[in-house]
C-alpha atoms as a PDB file:
ATOM      1  CA  UNK A   1       0.175  -0.555   0.003  1.00  0.00           C
ATOM      2  CA  UNK A   2       1.190   3.204  -0.957  1.00  0.00           C
ATOM      3  CA  UNK A   3       2.462   5.527   0.285  1.00  0.00           C
ATOM      4  CA  UNK A   4       5.583   3.027   1.320  1.00  0.00           C
ATOM      5  CA  UNK A   5       6.858   3.311   5.180  1.00  0.00           C
ATOM      6  CA  UNK A   6       9.823   1.511   5.962  1.00  0.00           C
ATOM      7  CA  UNK A   7      10.203   0.845   9.991  1.00  0.00           C
ATOM      8  CA  UNK A   8      13.263  -1.031  10.660  1.00  0.00           C
ATOM      9  CA  UNK A   9      12.980  -3.589  13.316  1.00  0.00           C
ATOM     10  CA  UNK A  10      15.999  -4.752  15.467  1.00  0.00           C
ATOM     11  CA  UNK A  11      15.395  -8.469  16.031  1.00  0.00           C
ATOM     12  CA  UNK A  12      17.098  -9.743  18.822  1.00  0.00           C
ATOM     13  CA  UNK A  13      18.942 -13.390  18.203  1.00  0.00           C
ATOM     14  CA  UNK A  14      19.749 -15.838  21.015  1.00  0.00           C
ATOM     15  CA  UNK A  15      23.535 -16.546  20.865  1.00  0.00           C
ATOM     16  CA  UNK A  16      22.382 -20.507  19.443  1.00  0.00           C
ATOM     17  CA  UNK A  17      20.547 -19.073  17.112  1.00  0.00           C
ATOM     18  CA  UNK A  18      23.228 -16.863  15.402  1.00  0.00           C
ATOM     19  CA  UNK A  19      26.107 -19.740  15.713  1.00  0.00           C
ATOM     20  CA  UNK A  20      23.342 -21.938  13.790  1.00  0.00           C
ATOM     21  CA  UNK A  21      22.597 -19.567  11.122  1.00  0.00           C
ATOM     22  CA  UNK A  22      26.570 -18.984  10.643  1.00  0.00           C
ATOM     23  CA  UNK A  23      26.931 -22.259  10.135  1.00  0.00           C
ATOM     24  CA  UNK A  24      24.072 -23.336   8.101  1.00  0.00           C
ATOM     25  CA  UNK A  25      23.775 -20.293   5.872  1.00  0.00           C
ATOM     26  CA  UNK A  26      25.272 -21.001   2.398  1.00  0.00           C
ATOM     27  CA  UNK A  27      25.744 -18.329  -0.482  1.00  0.00           C
ATOM     28  CA  UNK A  28      26.088 -19.822  -3.829  1.00  0.00           C
ATOM     29  CA  UNK A  29      27.105 -18.287  -7.160  1.00  0.00           C
ATOM     30  CA  UNK A  30      25.216 -20.137  -9.510  1.00  0.00           C
ATOM     31  CA  UNK A  31      27.552 -19.416 -12.230  1.00  0.00           C
ATOM     32  CA  UNK A  32      24.935 -17.569 -14.158  1.00  0.00           C
ATOM     33  CA  UNK A  33      25.316 -14.174 -14.265  1.00  0.00           C
ATOM     34  CA  UNK A  34      22.156 -11.702 -14.724  1.00  0.00           C
ATOM     35  CA  UNK A  35      20.846  -8.314 -15.734  1.00  0.00           C
ATOM     36  CA  UNK A  36      17.828  -7.348 -13.822  1.00  0.00           C
ATOM     37  CA  UNK A  37      16.569  -4.696 -15.932  1.00  0.00           C
ATOM     38  CA  UNK A  38      14.220  -6.462 -17.925  1.00  0.00           C
ATOM     39  CA  UNK A  39      12.764  -8.647 -15.013  1.00  0.00           C
ATOM     40  CA  UNK A  40      12.277  -5.861 -13.285  1.00  0.00           C
ATOM     41  CA  UNK A  41      10.696  -3.530 -15.990  1.00  0.00           C
ATOM     42  CA  UNK A  42       8.272  -6.748 -16.463  1.00  0.00           C
ATOM     43  CA  UNK A  43       7.354  -6.904 -12.466  1.00  0.00           C
ATOM     44  CA  UNK A  44       6.700  -2.640 -12.458  1.00  0.00           C
ATOM     45  CA  UNK A  45       4.454  -2.953 -15.680  1.00  0.00           C
ATOM     46  CA  UNK A  46       2.592  -5.791 -13.985  1.00  0.00           C
ATOM     47  CA  UNK A  47       2.426  -3.573 -10.887  1.00  0.00           C
ATOM     48  CA  UNK A  48       0.974  -0.285 -12.965  1.00  0.00           C
ATOM     49  CA  UNK A  49      -1.506  -2.769 -14.552  1.00  0.00           C
ATOM     50  CA  UNK A  50      -2.957  -3.888 -11.111  1.00  0.00           C
ATOM     51  CA  UNK A  51      -2.937  -7.430 -12.196  1.00  0.00           C
ATOM     52  CA  UNK A  52      -4.510  -9.386  -8.997  1.00  0.00           C
ATOM     53  CA  UNK A  53      -1.949 -11.647  -8.847  1.00  0.00           C
ATOM     54  CA  UNK A  54       0.534  -9.233  -8.245  1.00  0.00           C
ATOM     55  CA  UNK A  55      -1.030  -7.283  -5.931  1.00  0.00           C
ATOM     56  CA  UNK A  56      -2.014 -10.783  -4.065  1.00  0.00           C
ATOM     57  CA  UNK A  57       1.779 -11.531  -4.078  1.00  0.00           C
ATOM     58  CA  UNK A  58       2.979  -8.089  -2.880  1.00  0.00           C
ATOM     59  CA  UNK A  59       0.507  -8.498   0.203  1.00  0.00           C
ATOM     60  CA  UNK A  60       1.603 -12.575   0.951  1.00  0.00           C
ATOM     61  CA  UNK A  61       5.883 -10.789   0.626  1.00  0.00           C
ATOM     62  CA  UNK A  62       4.501  -8.296   3.215  1.00  0.00           C
ATOM     63  CA  UNK A  63       2.872 -11.423   5.774  1.00  0.00           C
ATOM     64  CA  UNK A  64       6.139 -13.955   4.681  1.00  0.00           C
ATOM     65  CA  UNK A  65       8.169 -11.171   5.642  1.00  0.00           C
ATOM     66  CA  UNK A  66       6.157 -10.676   9.048  1.00  0.00           C
ATOM     67  CA  UNK A  67       6.318 -14.367   9.735  1.00  0.00           C
ATOM     68  CA  UNK A  68      10.368 -14.824   9.146  1.00  0.00           C
ATOM     69  CA  UNK A  69      11.054 -11.921  11.297  1.00  0.00           C
ATOM     70  CA  UNK A  70       8.788 -13.947  14.168  1.00  0.00           C
ATOM     71  CA  UNK A  71      10.815 -17.429  13.176  1.00  0.00           C
ATOM     72  CA  UNK A  72      13.996 -15.424  13.648  1.00  0.00           C
ATOM     73  CA  UNK A  73      13.224 -13.974  17.045  1.00  0.00           C
ATOM     74  CA  UNK A  74      12.424 -17.378  18.368  1.00  0.00           C
ATOM     75  CA  UNK A  75      15.076 -19.104  16.553  1.00  0.00           C
ATOM     76  CA  UNK A  76      12.794 -21.495  14.205  1.00  0.00           C
ATOM     77  CA  UNK A  77      14.952 -22.374  11.318  1.00  0.00           C
ATOM     78  CA  UNK A  78      12.645 -24.569   9.920  1.00  0.00           C
ATOM     79  CA  UNK A  79       9.898 -22.283   9.764  1.00  0.00           C
ATOM     80  CA  UNK A  80      12.766 -19.466   8.691  1.00  0.00           C
ATOM     81  CA  UNK A  81      13.832 -21.560   6.226  1.00  0.00           C
ATOM     82  CA  UNK A  82      10.075 -22.228   4.707  1.00  0.00           C
ATOM     83  CA  UNK A  83       9.865 -18.501   4.330  1.00  0.00           C
ATOM     84  CA  UNK A  84      12.580 -18.423   2.187  1.00  0.00           C
ATOM     85  CA  UNK A  85      11.706 -21.049   0.038  1.00  0.00           C
ATOM     86  CA  UNK A  86       7.965 -19.047   0.260  1.00  0.00           C
ATOM     87  CA  UNK A  87      10.127 -15.898  -0.758  1.00  0.00           C
ATOM     88  CA  UNK A  88      11.499 -17.647  -3.875  1.00  0.00           C
ATOM     89  CA  UNK A  89       7.760 -18.850  -5.356  1.00  0.00           C
ATOM     90  CA  UNK A  90       6.438 -15.473  -4.495  1.00  0.00           C
ATOM     91  CA  UNK A  91       9.559 -13.489  -6.128  1.00  0.00           C
ATOM     92  CA  UNK A  92       8.808 -16.204  -9.367  1.00  0.00           C
ATOM     93  CA  UNK A  93       5.288 -14.978  -9.201  1.00  0.00           C
ATOM     94  CA  UNK A  94       6.169 -11.438  -9.481  1.00  0.00           C
ATOM     95  CA  UNK A  95       8.776 -12.133 -12.173  1.00  0.00           C
ATOM     96  CA  UNK A  96       7.856 -15.015 -14.422  1.00  0.00           C
ATOM     97  CA  UNK A  97      10.964 -16.245 -15.795  1.00  0.00           C
ATOM     98  CA  UNK A  98      13.393 -15.362 -13.458  1.00  0.00           C
ATOM     99  CA  UNK A  99      14.225 -19.081 -12.878  1.00  0.00           C
ATOM    100  CA  UNK A 100      16.610 -20.484 -15.220  1.00  0.00           C
ATOM    101  CA  UNK A 101      16.849 -24.126 -15.781  1.00  0.00           C
ATOM    102  CA  UNK A 102      20.105 -24.144 -14.278  1.00  0.00           C
ATOM    103  CA  UNK A 103      18.632 -22.420 -11.241  1.00  0.00           C
ATOM    104  CA  UNK A 104      16.014 -24.707 -10.830  1.00  0.00           C
ATOM    105  CA  UNK A 105      18.251 -28.224 -11.259  1.00  0.00           C
ATOM    106  CA  UNK A 106      20.222 -26.874  -8.269  1.00  0.00           C
ATOM    107  CA  UNK A 107      17.358 -26.406  -6.141  1.00  0.00           C
ATOM    108  CA  UNK A 108      16.038 -30.009  -6.826  1.00  0.00           C
ATOM    109  CA  UNK A 109      19.262 -31.205  -6.186  1.00  0.00           C
ATOM    110  CA  UNK A 110      20.217 -29.057  -2.566  1.00  0.00           C
ATOM    111  CA  UNK A 111      16.645 -29.388  -1.265  1.00  0.00           C
ATOM    112  CA  UNK A 112      16.899 -32.793   0.372  1.00  0.00           C
ATOM    113  CA  UNK A 113      19.953 -30.800   2.679  1.00  0.00           C
ATOM    114  CA  UNK A 114      18.237 -27.531   2.577  1.00  0.00           C
ATOM    115  CA  UNK A 115      15.657 -25.958   5.092  1.00  0.00           C
ATOM    116  CA  UNK A 116      15.337 -23.054   2.289  1.00  0.00           C
ATOM    117  CA  UNK A 117      16.560 -21.472  -0.578  1.00  0.00           C
ATOM    118  CA  UNK A 118      16.049 -18.264  -2.681  1.00  0.00           C
ATOM    119  CA  UNK A 119      17.633 -16.534  -5.539  1.00  0.00           C
ATOM    120  CA  UNK A 120      19.053 -13.522  -4.111  1.00  0.00           C
ATOM    121  CA  UNK A 121      17.621 -10.152  -5.760  1.00  0.00           C
ATOM    122  CA  UNK A 122      15.203  -9.995  -8.656  1.00  0.00           C
ATOM    123  CA  UNK A 123      16.356 -13.717  -9.794  1.00  0.00           C
ATOM    124  CA  UNK A 124      17.596 -14.861 -12.957  1.00  0.00           C
ATOM    125  CA  UNK A 125      20.700 -15.755 -11.837  1.00  0.00           C
ATOM    126  CA  UNK A 126      23.453 -14.416  -9.310  1.00  0.00           C
ATOM    127  CA  UNK A 127      23.667 -15.771  -6.208  1.00  0.00           C
ATOM    128  CA  UNK A 128      21.597 -18.116  -4.164  1.00  0.00           C
ATOM    129  CA  UNK A 129      21.460 -18.597  -0.303  1.00  0.00           C
ATOM    130  CA  UNK A 130      20.827 -21.247   1.232  1.00  0.00           C
ATOM    131  CA  UNK A 131      19.727 -22.403   4.664  1.00  0.00           C
ATOM    132  CA  UNK A 132      20.987 -26.153   5.027  1.00  0.00           C
ATOM    133  CA  UNK A 133      19.469 -28.274   7.811  1.00  0.00           C
ATOM    134  CA  UNK A 134      22.714 -28.951   9.199  1.00  0.00           C
ATOM    135  CA  UNK A 135      26.596 -27.379   9.064  1.00  0.00           C
ATOM    136  CA  UNK A 136      27.573 -26.624   5.870  1.00  0.00           C
ATOM    137  CA  UNK A 137      30.113 -25.063   3.687  1.00  0.00           C
ATOM    138  CA  UNK A 138      30.435 -23.821   0.106  1.00  0.00           C
ATOM    139  CA  UNK A 139      32.773 -26.307  -0.650  1.00  0.00           C
ATOM    140  CA  UNK A 140      30.323 -29.235   0.292  1.00  0.00           C
ATOM    141  CA  UNK A 141      27.669 -27.327  -1.625  1.00  0.00           C
ATOM    142  CA  UNK A 142      29.799 -27.011  -4.667  1.00  0.00           C
ATOM    143  CA  UNK A 143      31.222 -30.954  -4.463  1.00  0.00           C
ATOM    144  CA  UNK A 144      27.415 -32.032  -4.114  1.00  0.00           C
ATOM    145  CA  UNK A 145      26.101 -29.945  -7.249  1.00  0.00           C
ATOM    146  CA  UNK A 146      29.058 -31.296  -8.853  1.00  0.00           C
ATOM    147  CA  UNK A 147      28.610 -34.941  -8.028  1.00  0.00           C
ATOM    148  CA  UNK A 148      24.956 -34.585  -9.489  1.00  0.00           C
ATOM    149  CA  UNK A 149      26.086 -33.055 -12.883  1.00  0.00           C
ATOM    150  CA  UNK A 150      25.280 -29.624 -12.260  1.00  0.00           C
ATOM    151  CA  UNK A 151      27.586 -27.470 -13.619  1.00  0.00           C
ATOM    152  CA  UNK A 152      27.826 -23.841 -12.288  1.00  0.00           C
ATOM    153  CA  UNK A 153      31.230 -22.738 -13.790  1.00  0.00           C
END
């Protein structure tokens, strides 16, 4: 709803939650740089047309952000992972075509080991954030993807 008001909020995290996040969040380059300009133009065009699915998704994005904040505050990483995945699904609705086949393949390959994942930014490539089920390193993710034949170079 416009006008947009930004209300920053500090979310206090318990030390165990901080430790878990530091050991379970992995940032992965998809191997596919992208230019978000065209994706964003499409989103803005659809927003100005007031398409119902865009308006509904915008409302869902707000609710999901609130749920993610509550999950963080409660140290509920499973729920946070669900919110992260829901965020990716919402971004896919906002910007159809933002998920290249390689990204879909990466998500399918890593999903059994992750609580949630999303591409960063507008989508289309670039970086993906993973919230893993257990302590994990970027090297393990890269090796796992390579073992499944996913090329991220």
